[in-house]
PDB file of all heavy atoms in Angstrom:
ATOM      1  N   ILE A   1       0.861  -1.178   0.000  1.00  0.00           N
ATOM      2  CA  ILE A   1       0.000   0.000   0.000  1.00  0.00           C
ATOM      3  C   ILE A   1       0.898   1.230   0.000  1.00  0.00           C
ATOM      4  O   ILE A   1       1.706   1.414   0.910  1.00  0.00           O
ATOM      5  CB  ILE A   1      -0.917   0.006   1.234  1.00  0.00           C
ATOM      6  CG1 ILE A   1      -1.773  -1.268   1.259  1.00  0.00           C
ATOM      7  CG2 ILE A   1      -1.794   1.255   1.247  1.00  0.00           C
ATOM      8  CD1 ILE A   1      -2.557  -1.439   2.541  1.00  0.00           C
ATOM      9  N   LYS A   2       0.757   2.056  -1.025  1.00  0.00           N
ATOM     10  CA  LYS A   2       1.583   3.253  -1.125  1.00  0.00           C
ATOM     11  C   LYS A   2       0.813   4.453  -0.591  1.00  0.00           C
ATOM     12  O   LYS A   2      -0.309   4.721  -1.019  1.00  0.00           O
ATOM     13  CB  LYS A   2       2.010   3.481  -2.575  1.00  0.00           C
ATOM     14  CG  LYS A   2       2.935   2.383  -3.099  1.00  0.00           C
ATOM     15  CD  LYS A   2       3.410   2.684  -4.509  1.00  0.00           C
ATOM     16  CE  LYS A   2       4.358   1.586  -4.993  1.00  0.00           C
ATOM     17  NZ  LYS A   2       4.871   1.847  -6.357  1.00  0.00           N
ATOM     18  N   VAL A   3       1.444   5.139   0.363  1.00  0.00           N
ATOM     19  CA  VAL A   3       0.818   6.291   1.001  1.00  0.00           C
ATOM     20  C   VAL A   3       1.839   7.428   1.092  1.00  0.00           C
ATOM     21  O   VAL A   3       3.004   7.197   1.445  1.00  0.00           O
ATOM     22  CB  VAL A   3       0.315   5.951   2.428  1.00  0.00           C
ATOM     23  CG1 VAL A   3      -0.444   7.136   3.020  1.00  0.00           C
ATOM     24  CG2 VAL A   3      -0.565   4.704   2.419  1.00  0.00           C
ATOM     25  N   LYS A   4       1.395   8.619   0.759  1.00  0.00           N
ATOM     26  CA  LYS A   4       2.251   9.801   0.901  1.00  0.00           C
ATOM     27  C   LYS A   4       1.826  10.530   2.176  1.00  0.00           C
ATOM     28  O   LYS A   4       0.651  10.894   2.331  1.00  0.00           O
ATOM     29  CB  LYS A   4       2.120  10.711  -0.314  1.00  0.00           C
ATOM     30  CG  LYS A   4       3.163  11.833  -0.360  1.00  0.00           C
ATOM     31  CD  LYS A   4       2.990  12.687  -1.602  1.00  0.00           C
ATOM     32  CE  LYS A   4       4.127  13.681  -1.768  1.00  0.00           C
ATOM     33  NZ  LYS A   4       5.383  13.032  -2.160  1.00  0.00           N
ATOM     34  N   TYR A   5       2.781  10.742   3.071  1.00  0.00           N
ATOM     35  CA  TYR A   5       2.496  11.387   4.347  1.00  0.00           C
ATOM     36  C   TYR A   5       3.112  12.780   4.421  1.00  0.00           C
ATOM     37  O   TYR A   5       4.198  13.017   3.876  1.00  0.00           O
ATOM     38  CB  TYR A   5       3.048  10.553   5.515  1.00  0.00           C
ATOM     39  CG  TYR A   5       2.308   9.264   5.775  1.00  0.00           C
ATOM     40  CD1 TYR A   5       2.797   8.049   5.302  1.00  0.00           C
ATOM     41  CD2 TYR A   5       1.124   9.267   6.504  1.00  0.00           C
ATOM     42  CE1 TYR A   5       2.125   6.866   5.546  1.00  0.00           C
ATOM     43  CE2 TYR A   5       0.444   8.078   6.761  1.00  0.00           C
ATOM     44  CZ  TYR A   5       0.947   6.887   6.274  1.00  0.00           C
ATOM     45  OH  TYR A   5       0.276   5.710   6.519  1.00  0.00           O
ATOM     46  N   ARG A   6       2.415  13.645   5.102  1.00  0.00           N
ATOM     47  CA  ARG A   6       3.013  14.906   5.525  1.00  0.00           C
ATOM     48  C   ARG A   6       3.730  14.632   6.836  1.00  0.00           C
ATOM     49  O   ARG A   6       3.224  13.913   7.701  1.00  0.00           O
ATOM     50  CB  ARG A   6       1.937  15.970   5.713  1.00  0.00           C
ATOM     51  CG  ARG A   6       2.455  17.223   6.390  1.00  0.00           C
ATOM     52  CD  ARG A   6       1.411  18.308   6.449  1.00  0.00           C
ATOM     53  NE  ARG A   6       1.804  19.357   7.387  1.00  0.00           N
ATOM     54  CZ  ARG A   6       1.444  20.627   7.281  1.00  0.00           C
ATOM     55  NH1 ARG A   6       0.685  21.012   6.273  1.00  0.00           N
ATOM     56  NH2 ARG A   6       1.835  21.508   8.178  1.00  0.00           N
ATOM     57  N   VAL A   7       4.920  15.194   6.975  1.00  0.00           N
ATOM     58  CA  VAL A   7       5.744  14.957   8.164  1.00  0.00           C
ATOM     59  C   VAL A   7       5.924  16.271   8.923  1.00  0.00           C
ATOM     60  O   VAL A   7       6.446  17.250   8.376  1.00  0.00           O
ATOM     61  CB  VAL A   7       7.126  14.377   7.784  1.00  0.00           C
ATOM     62  CG1 VAL A   7       7.959  14.121   9.031  1.00  0.00           C
ATOM     63  CG2 VAL A   7       6.962  13.094   6.972  1.00  0.00           C
ATOM     64  N   ASP A   8       5.487  16.275  10.162  1.00  0.00           N
ATOM     65  CA  ASP A   8       5.690  17.417  11.057  1.00  0.00           C
ATOM     66  C   ASP A   8       6.323  16.904  12.339  1.00  0.00           C
ATOM     67  O   ASP A   8       5.999  15.802  12.807  1.00  0.00           O
ATOM     68  CB  ASP A   8       4.357  18.097  11.383  1.00  0.00           C
ATOM     69  CG  ASP A   8       3.672  18.665  10.152  1.00  0.00           C
ATOM     70  OD1 ASP A   8       4.047  19.764   9.719  1.00  0.00           O
ATOM     71  OD2 ASP A   8       2.751  18.002   9.628  1.00  0.00           O
ATOM     72  N   GLY A   9       7.210  17.708  12.907  1.00  0.00           N
ATOM     73  CA  GLY A   9       7.831  17.250  14.138  1.00  0.00           C
ATOM     74  C   GLY A   9       8.640  18.326  14.821  1.00  0.00           C
ATOM     75  O   GLY A   9       8.718  19.479  14.375  1.00  0.00           O
ATOM     76  N   VAL A  10       9.238  17.907  15.907  1.00  0.00           N
ATOM     77  CA  VAL A  10      10.114  18.798  16.663  1.00  0.00           C
ATOM     78  C   VAL A  10      11.174  17.943  17.351  1.00  0.00           C
ATOM     79  O   VAL A  10      10.895  16.831  17.796  1.00  0.00           O
ATOM     80  CB  VAL A  10       9.302  19.624  17.694  1.00  0.00           C
ATOM     81  CG1 VAL A  10       8.610  18.707  18.712  1.00  0.00           C
ATOM     82  CG2 VAL A  10      10.187  20.640  18.401  1.00  0.00           C
ATOM     83  N   THR A  11      12.388  18.453  17.378  1.00  0.00           N
ATOM     84  CA  THR A  11      13.459  17.782  18.104  1.00  0.00           C
ATOM     85  C   THR A  11      14.039  18.760  19.117  1.00  0.00           C
ATOM     86  O   THR A  11      14.190  19.957  18.840  1.00  0.00           O
ATOM     87  CB  THR A  11      14.553  17.258  17.158  1.00  0.00           C
ATOM     88  OG1 THR A  11      15.564  16.590  17.938  1.00  0.00           O
ATOM     89  CG2 THR A  11      15.200  18.364  16.350  1.00  0.00           C
ATOM     90  N   ARG A  12      14.317  18.241  20.288  1.00  0.00           N
ATOM     91  CA  ARG A  12      14.871  19.080  21.352  1.00  0.00           C
ATOM     92  C   ARG A  12      16.334  18.724  21.542  1.00  0.00           C
ATOM     93  O   ARG A  12      16.686  17.569  21.835  1.00  0.00           O
ATOM     94  CB  ARG A  12      14.097  18.888  22.659  1.00  0.00           C
ATOM     95  CG  ARG A  12      14.584  19.800  23.782  1.00  0.00           C
ATOM     96  CD  ARG A  12      13.651  19.753  24.984  1.00  0.00           C
ATOM     97  NE  ARG A  12      14.100  20.645  26.050  1.00  0.00           N
ATOM     98  CZ  ARG A  12      13.885  21.945  26.085  1.00  0.00           C
ATOM     99  NH1 ARG A  12      13.228  22.539  25.092  1.00  0.00           N
ATOM    100  NH2 ARG A  12      14.316  22.674  27.099  1.00  0.00           N
ATOM    101  N   ILE A  13      17.199  19.734  21.339  1.00  0.00           N
ATOM    102  CA  ILE A  13      18.649  19.543  21.480  1.00  0.00           C
ATOM    103  C   ILE A  13      19.013  19.696  22.954  1.00  0.00           C
ATOM    104  O   ILE A  13      18.861  20.768  23.542  1.00  0.00           O
ATOM    105  CB  ILE A  13      19.429  20.554  20.627  1.00  0.00           C
ATOM    106  CG1 ILE A  13      18.873  20.590  19.191  1.00  0.00           C
ATOM    107  CG2 ILE A  13      20.912  20.208  20.627  1.00  0.00           C
ATOM    108  CD1 ILE A  13      18.877  19.276  18.489  1.00  0.00           C
ATOM    109  N   PHE A  14      19.490  18.611  23.535  1.00  0.00           N
ATOM    110  CA  PHE A  14      19.705  18.583  24.980  1.00  0.00           C
ATOM    111  C   PHE A  14      20.716  19.630  25.438  1.00  0.00           C
ATOM    112  O   PHE A  14      20.473  20.366  26.409  1.00  0.00           O
ATOM    113  CB  PHE A  14      20.168  17.182  25.395  1.00  0.00           C
ATOM    114  CG  PHE A  14      20.466  17.061  26.860  1.00  0.00           C
ATOM    115  CD1 PHE A  14      19.444  16.997  27.785  1.00  0.00           C
ATOM    116  CD2 PHE A  14      21.782  17.007  27.319  1.00  0.00           C
ATOM    117  CE1 PHE A  14      19.712  16.901  29.140  1.00  0.00           C
ATOM    118  CE2 PHE A  14      22.054  16.902  28.664  1.00  0.00           C
ATOM    119  CZ  PHE A  14      21.018  16.847  29.579  1.00  0.00           C
ATOM    120  N   LYS A  15      21.839  19.721  24.773  1.00  0.00           N
ATOM    121  CA  LYS A  15      22.884  20.637  25.232  1.00  0.00           C
ATOM    122  C   LYS A  15      22.456  22.098  25.131  1.00  0.00           C
ATOM    123  O   LYS A  15      22.826  22.923  25.985  1.00  0.00           O
ATOM    124  CB  LYS A  15      24.172  20.423  24.424  1.00  0.00           C
ATOM    125  CG  LYS A  15      25.050  19.300  24.953  1.00  0.00           C
ATOM    126  CD  LYS A  15      26.394  19.326  24.238  1.00  0.00           C
ATOM    127  CE  LYS A  15      27.353  18.305  24.822  1.00  0.00           C
ATOM    128  NZ  LYS A  15      28.674  18.335  24.134  1.00  0.00           N
ATOM    129  N   LEU A  16      21.690  22.412  24.110  1.00  0.00           N
ATOM    130  CA  LEU A  16      21.270  23.801  23.907  1.00  0.00           C
ATOM    131  C   LEU A  16      19.981  24.122  24.642  1.00  0.00           C
ATOM    132  O   LEU A  16      19.610  25.304  24.737  1.00  0.00           O
ATOM    133  CB  LEU A  16      21.071  24.075  22.409  1.00  0.00           C
ATOM    134  CG  LEU A  16      22.312  23.954  21.535  1.00  0.00           C
ATOM    135  CD1 LEU A  16      21.933  24.106  20.067  1.00  0.00           C
ATOM    136  CD2 LEU A  16      23.360  25.001  21.940  1.00  0.00           C
ATOM    137  N   GLN A  17      19.305  23.080  25.141  1.00  0.00           N
ATOM    138  CA  GLN A  17      17.988  23.270  25.761  1.00  0.00           C
ATOM    139  C   GLN A  17      17.095  24.104  24.849  1.00  0.00           C
ATOM    140  O   GLN A  17      16.419  25.050  25.269  1.00  0.00           O
ATOM    141  CB  GLN A  17      18.139  23.936  27.129  1.00  0.00           C
ATOM    142  CG  GLN A  17      18.795  23.049  28.179  1.00  0.00           C
ATOM    143  CD  GLN A  17      17.982  21.795  28.472  1.00  0.00           C
ATOM    144  OE1 GLN A  17      16.850  21.872  28.954  1.00  0.00           O
ATOM    145  NE2 GLN A  17      18.551  20.639  28.171  1.00  0.00           N
ATOM    146  N   SER A  18      17.112  23.705  23.579  1.00  0.00           N
ATOM    147  CA  SER A  18      16.382  24.451  22.556  1.00  0.00           C
ATOM    148  C   SER A  18      15.704  23.466  21.604  1.00  0.00           C
ATOM    149  O   SER A  18      16.213  22.357  21.376  1.00  0.00           O
ATOM    150  CB  SER A  18      17.337  25.355  21.778  1.00  0.00           C
ATOM    151  OG  SER A  18      16.657  26.031  20.746  1.00  0.00           O
ATOM    152  N   GLU A  19      14.568  23.893  21.059  1.00  0.00           N
ATOM    153  CA  GLU A  19      13.832  23.041  20.144  1.00  0.00           C
ATOM    154  C   GLU A  19      14.013  23.487  18.699  1.00  0.00           C
ATOM    155  O   GLU A  19      14.142  24.680  18.417  1.00  0.00           O
ATOM    156  CB  GLU A  19      12.333  23.035  20.499  1.00  0.00           C
ATOM    157  CG  GLU A  19      12.047  22.354  21.833  1.00  0.00           C
ATOM    158  CD  GLU A  19      10.562  22.295  22.127  1.00  0.00           C
ATOM    159  OE1 GLU A  19       9.797  23.038  21.466  1.00  0.00           O
ATOM    160  OE2 GLU A  19      10.161  21.512  23.006  1.00  0.00           O
ATOM    161  N   LEU A  20      14.007  22.500  17.820  1.00  0.00           N
ATOM    162  CA  LEU A  20      14.139  22.744  16.394  1.00  0.00           C
ATOM    163  C   LEU A  20      12.912  22.145  15.699  1.00  0.00           C
ATOM    164  O   LEU A  20      12.660  20.948  15.802  1.00  0.00           O
ATOM    165  CB  LEU A  20      15.421  22.097  15.863  1.00  0.00           C
ATOM    166  CG  LEU A  20      15.848  22.425  14.432  1.00  0.00           C
ATOM    167  CD1 LEU A  20      16.218  23.901  14.307  1.00  0.00           C
ATOM    168  CD2 LEU A  20      17.013  21.535  14.014  1.00  0.00           C
ATOM    169  N   VAL A  21      12.142  23.010  15.056  1.00  0.00           N
ATOM    170  CA  VAL A  21      10.928  22.548  14.378  1.00  0.00           C
ATOM    171  C   VAL A  21      11.309  21.846  13.066  1.00  0.00           C
ATOM    172  O   VAL A  21      12.132  22.354  12.301  1.00  0.00           O
ATOM    173  CB  VAL A  21       9.976  23.736  14.098  1.00  0.00           C
ATOM    174  CG1 VAL A  21       8.762  23.257  13.298  1.00  0.00           C
ATOM    175  CG2 VAL A  21       9.535  24.376  15.405  1.00  0.00           C
ATOM    176  N   LEU A  22      10.689  20.703  12.834  1.00  0.00           N
ATOM    177  CA  LEU A  22      10.961  19.913  11.627  1.00  0.00           C
ATOM    178  C   LEU A  22       9.731  19.896  10.715  1.00  0.00           C
ATOM    179  O   LEU A  22       8.610  19.684  11.174  1.00  0.00           O
ATOM    180  CB  LEU A  22      11.317  18.470  12.009  1.00  0.00           C
ATOM    181  CG  LEU A  22      12.469  18.289  13.003  1.00  0.00           C
ATOM    182  CD1 LEU A  22      12.613  16.809  13.367  1.00  0.00           C
ATOM    183  CD2 LEU A  22      13.763  18.838  12.441  1.00  0.00           C
ATOM    184  N   GLY A  23       9.957  20.141   9.434  1.00  0.00           N
ATOM    185  CA  GLY A  23       8.861  20.060   8.471  1.00  0.00           C
ATOM    186  C   GLY A  23       8.183  21.394   8.231  1.00  0.00           C
ATOM    187  O   GLY A  23       8.651  22.434   8.687  1.00  0.00           O
ATOM    188  N   PRO A  24       7.050  21.330   7.506  1.00  0.00           N
ATOM    189  CA  PRO A  24       6.448  20.092   7.009  1.00  0.00           C
ATOM    190  C   PRO A  24       7.239  19.466   5.852  1.00  0.00           C
ATOM    191  O   PRO A  24       7.585  20.144   4.898  1.00  0.00           O
ATOM    192  CB  PRO A  24       5.059  20.531   6.528  1.00  0.00           C
ATOM    193  CG  PRO A  24       5.225  21.993   6.218  1.00  0.00           C
ATOM    194  CD  PRO A  24       6.255  22.512   7.167  1.00  0.00           C
ATOM    195  N   GLY A  25       7.507  18.165   6.008  1.00  0.00           N
ATOM    196  CA  GLY A  25       8.188  17.402   4.974  1.00  0.00           C
ATOM    197  C   GLY A  25       7.261  16.341   4.428  1.00  0.00           C
ATOM    198  O   GLY A  25       6.044  16.390   4.637  1.00  0.00           O
ATOM    199  N   THR A  26       7.838  15.363   3.748  1.00  0.00           N
ATOM    200  CA  THR A  26       7.033  14.279   3.178  1.00  0.00           C
ATOM    201  C   THR A  26       7.711  12.929   3.388  1.00  0.00           C
ATOM    202  O   THR A  26       8.941  12.846   3.491  1.00  0.00           O
ATOM    203  CB  THR A  26       6.796  14.484   1.659  1.00  0.00           C
ATOM    204  OG1 THR A  26       8.058  14.574   1.001  1.00  0.00           O
ATOM    205  CG2 THR A  26       5.970  15.728   1.397  1.00  0.00           C
ATOM    206  N   LEU A  27       6.886  11.916   3.443  1.00  0.00           N
ATOM    207  CA  LEU A  27       7.362  10.534   3.481  1.00  0.00           C
ATOM    208  C   LEU A  27       6.561   9.746   2.448  1.00  0.00           C
ATOM    209  O   LEU A  27       5.346   9.597   2.577  1.00  0.00           O
ATOM    210  CB  LEU A  27       7.168   9.911   4.864  1.00  0.00           C
ATOM    211  CG  LEU A  27       7.506   8.418   4.965  1.00  0.00           C
ATOM    212  CD1 LEU A  27       8.989   8.171   4.731  1.00  0.00           C
ATOM    213  CD2 LEU A  27       7.074   7.842   6.318  1.00  0.00           C
ATOM    214  N   ASP A  28       7.238   9.279   1.411  1.00  0.00           N
ATOM    215  CA  ASP A  28       6.611   8.404   0.414  1.00  0.00           C
ATOM    216  C   ASP A  28       6.792   6.977   0.894  1.00  0.00           C
ATOM    217  O   ASP A  28       7.862   6.383   0.710  1.00  0.00           O
ATOM    218  CB  ASP A  28       7.245   8.608  -0.964  1.00  0.00           C
ATOM    219  CG  ASP A  28       6.919   9.971  -1.545  1.00  0.00           C
ATOM    220  OD1 ASP A  28       5.729  10.311  -1.630  1.00  0.00           O
ATOM    221  OD2 ASP A  28       7.858  10.708  -1.903  1.00  0.00           O
ATOM    222  N   ALA A  29       5.739   6.446   1.504  1.00  0.00           N
ATOM    223  CA  ALA A  29       5.847   5.158   2.184  1.00  0.00           C
ATOM    224  C   ALA A  29       5.177   4.044   1.401  1.00  0.00           C
ATOM    225  O   ALA A  29       4.218   4.266   0.651  1.00  0.00           O
ATOM    226  CB  ALA A  29       5.208   5.254   3.574  1.00  0.00           C
ATOM    227  N   GLU A  30       5.697   2.841   1.587  1.00  0.00           N
ATOM    228  CA  GLU A  30       5.060   1.633   1.075  1.00  0.00           C
ATOM    229  C   GLU A  30       4.893   0.676   2.244  1.00  0.00           C
ATOM    230  O   GLU A  30       5.868   0.296   2.894  1.00  0.00           O
ATOM    231  CB  GLU A  30       5.877   0.985  -0.036  1.00  0.00           C
ATOM    232  CG  GLU A  30       5.191  -0.231  -0.636  1.00  0.00           C
ATOM    233  CD  GLU A  30       5.833  -0.717  -1.921  1.00  0.00           C
ATOM    234  OE1 GLU A  30       6.701   0.003  -2.459  1.00  0.00           O
ATOM    235  OE2 GLU A  30       5.455  -1.804  -2.394  1.00  0.00           O
ATOM    236  N   ILE A  31       3.637   0.323   2.506  1.00  0.00           N
ATOM    237  CA  ILE A  31       3.295  -0.515   3.649  1.00  0.00           C
ATOM    238  C   ILE A  31       2.904  -1.897   3.150  1.00  0.00           C
ATOM    239  O   ILE A  31       2.041  -2.035   2.286  1.00  0.00           O
ATOM    240  CB  ILE A  31       2.147   0.116   4.461  1.00  0.00           C
ATOM    241  CG1 ILE A  31       2.566   1.496   4.987  1.00  0.00           C
ATOM    242  CG2 ILE A  31       1.742  -0.789   5.623  1.00  0.00           C
ATOM    243  CD1 ILE A  31       1.443   2.298   5.589  1.00  0.00           C
ATOM    244  N   ASP A  32       3.557  -2.911   3.695  1.00  0.00           N
ATOM    245  CA  ASP A  32       3.256  -4.298   3.345  1.00  0.00           C
ATOM    246  C   ASP A  32       2.454  -4.911   4.496  1.00  0.00           C
ATOM    247  O   ASP A  32       3.019  -5.280   5.529  1.00  0.00           O
ATOM    248  CB  ASP A  32       4.551  -5.082   3.131  1.00  0.00           C
ATOM    249  CG  ASP A  32       4.299  -6.511   2.657  1.00  0.00           C
ATOM    250  OD1 ASP A  32       3.173  -6.998   2.842  1.00  0.00           O
ATOM    251  OD2 ASP A  32       5.220  -7.128   2.110  1.00  0.00           O
ATOM    252  N   PRO A  33       1.119  -5.011   4.356  1.00  0.00           N
ATOM    253  CA  PRO A  33       0.304  -5.518   5.467  1.00  0.00           C
ATOM    254  C   PRO A  33       0.484  -7.005   5.709  1.00  0.00           C
ATOM    255  O   PRO A  33       0.165  -7.489   6.796  1.00  0.00           O
ATOM    256  CB  PRO A  33      -1.138  -5.196   5.008  1.00  0.00           C
ATOM    257  CG  PRO A  33      -1.066  -5.163   3.527  1.00  0.00           C
ATOM    258  CD  PRO A  33       0.303  -4.655   3.177  1.00  0.00           C
ATOM    259  N   ILE A  34       0.972  -7.743   4.704  1.00  0.00           N
ATOM    260  CA  ILE A  34       1.160  -9.185   4.868  1.00  0.00           C
ATOM    261  C   ILE A  34       2.376  -9.474   5.738  1.00  0.00           C
ATOM    262  O   ILE A  34       2.320 -10.242   6.701  1.00  0.00           O
ATOM    263  CB  ILE A  34       1.307  -9.868   3.504  1.00  0.00           C
ATOM    264  CG1 ILE A  34       0.083  -9.574   2.625  1.00  0.00           C
ATOM    265  CG2 ILE A  34       1.491 -11.374   3.692  1.00  0.00           C
ATOM    266  CD1 ILE A  34      -1.227 -10.052   3.203  1.00  0.00           C
ATOM    267  N   ASN A  35       3.494  -8.837   5.397  1.00  0.00           N
ATOM    268  CA  ASN A  35       4.739  -9.073   6.142  1.00  0.00           C
ATOM    269  C   ASN A  35       4.928  -8.107   7.305  1.00  0.00           C
ATOM    270  O   ASN A  35       5.869  -8.257   8.086  1.00  0.00           O
ATOM    271  CB  ASN A  35       5.937  -8.977   5.194  1.00  0.00           C
ATOM    272  CG  ASN A  35       5.907 -10.048   4.126  1.00  0.00           C
ATOM    273  OD1 ASN A  35       5.690 -11.217   4.421  1.00  0.00           O
ATOM    274  ND2 ASN A  35       6.112  -9.665   2.875  1.00  0.00           N
ATOM    275  N   GLY A  36       4.053  -7.095   7.393  1.00  0.00           N
ATOM    276  CA  GLY A  36       4.147  -6.153   8.511  1.00  0.00           C
ATOM    277  C   GLY A  36       5.378  -5.275   8.444  1.00  0.00           C
ATOM    278  O   GLY A  36       6.097  -5.120   9.431  1.00  0.00           O
ATOM    279  N   THR A  37       5.645  -4.688   7.266  1.00  0.00           N
ATOM    280  CA  THR A  37       6.811  -3.820   7.122  1.00  0.00           C
ATOM    281  C   THR A  37       6.405  -2.484   6.501  1.00  0.00           C
ATOM    282  O   THR A  37       5.375  -2.377   5.844  1.00  0.00           O
ATOM    283  CB  THR A  37       7.885  -4.467   6.228  1.00  0.00           C
ATOM    284  OG1 THR A  37       7.329  -4.716   4.926  1.00  0.00           O
ATOM    285  CG2 THR A  37       8.370  -5.777   6.845  1.00  0.00           C
ATOM    286  N   ILE A  38       7.241  -1.495   6.711  1.00  0.00           N
ATOM    287  CA  ILE A  38       7.062  -0.186   6.090  1.00  0.00           C
ATOM    288  C   ILE A  38       8.425   0.320   5.646  1.00  0.00           C
ATOM    289  O   ILE A  38       9.423   0.188   6.378  1.00  0.00           O
ATOM    290  CB  ILE A  38       6.385   0.818   7.046  1.00  0.00           C
ATOM    291  CG1 ILE A  38       6.219   2.189   6.352  1.00  0.00           C
ATOM    292  CG2 ILE A  38       7.139   0.936   8.359  1.00  0.00           C
ATOM    293  CD1 ILE A  38       5.394   3.177   7.154  1.00  0.00           C
TER     294      ILE A  38
END
């Protein structure tokens, strides 16, 4: 199953005690429901 996802996120840099906003990006995914993989 091919699905295109919008990707949004945030990562927090421990040493800087600061957050970095990620995205919006994309993930072109292929999901195999039989074998349970992505």
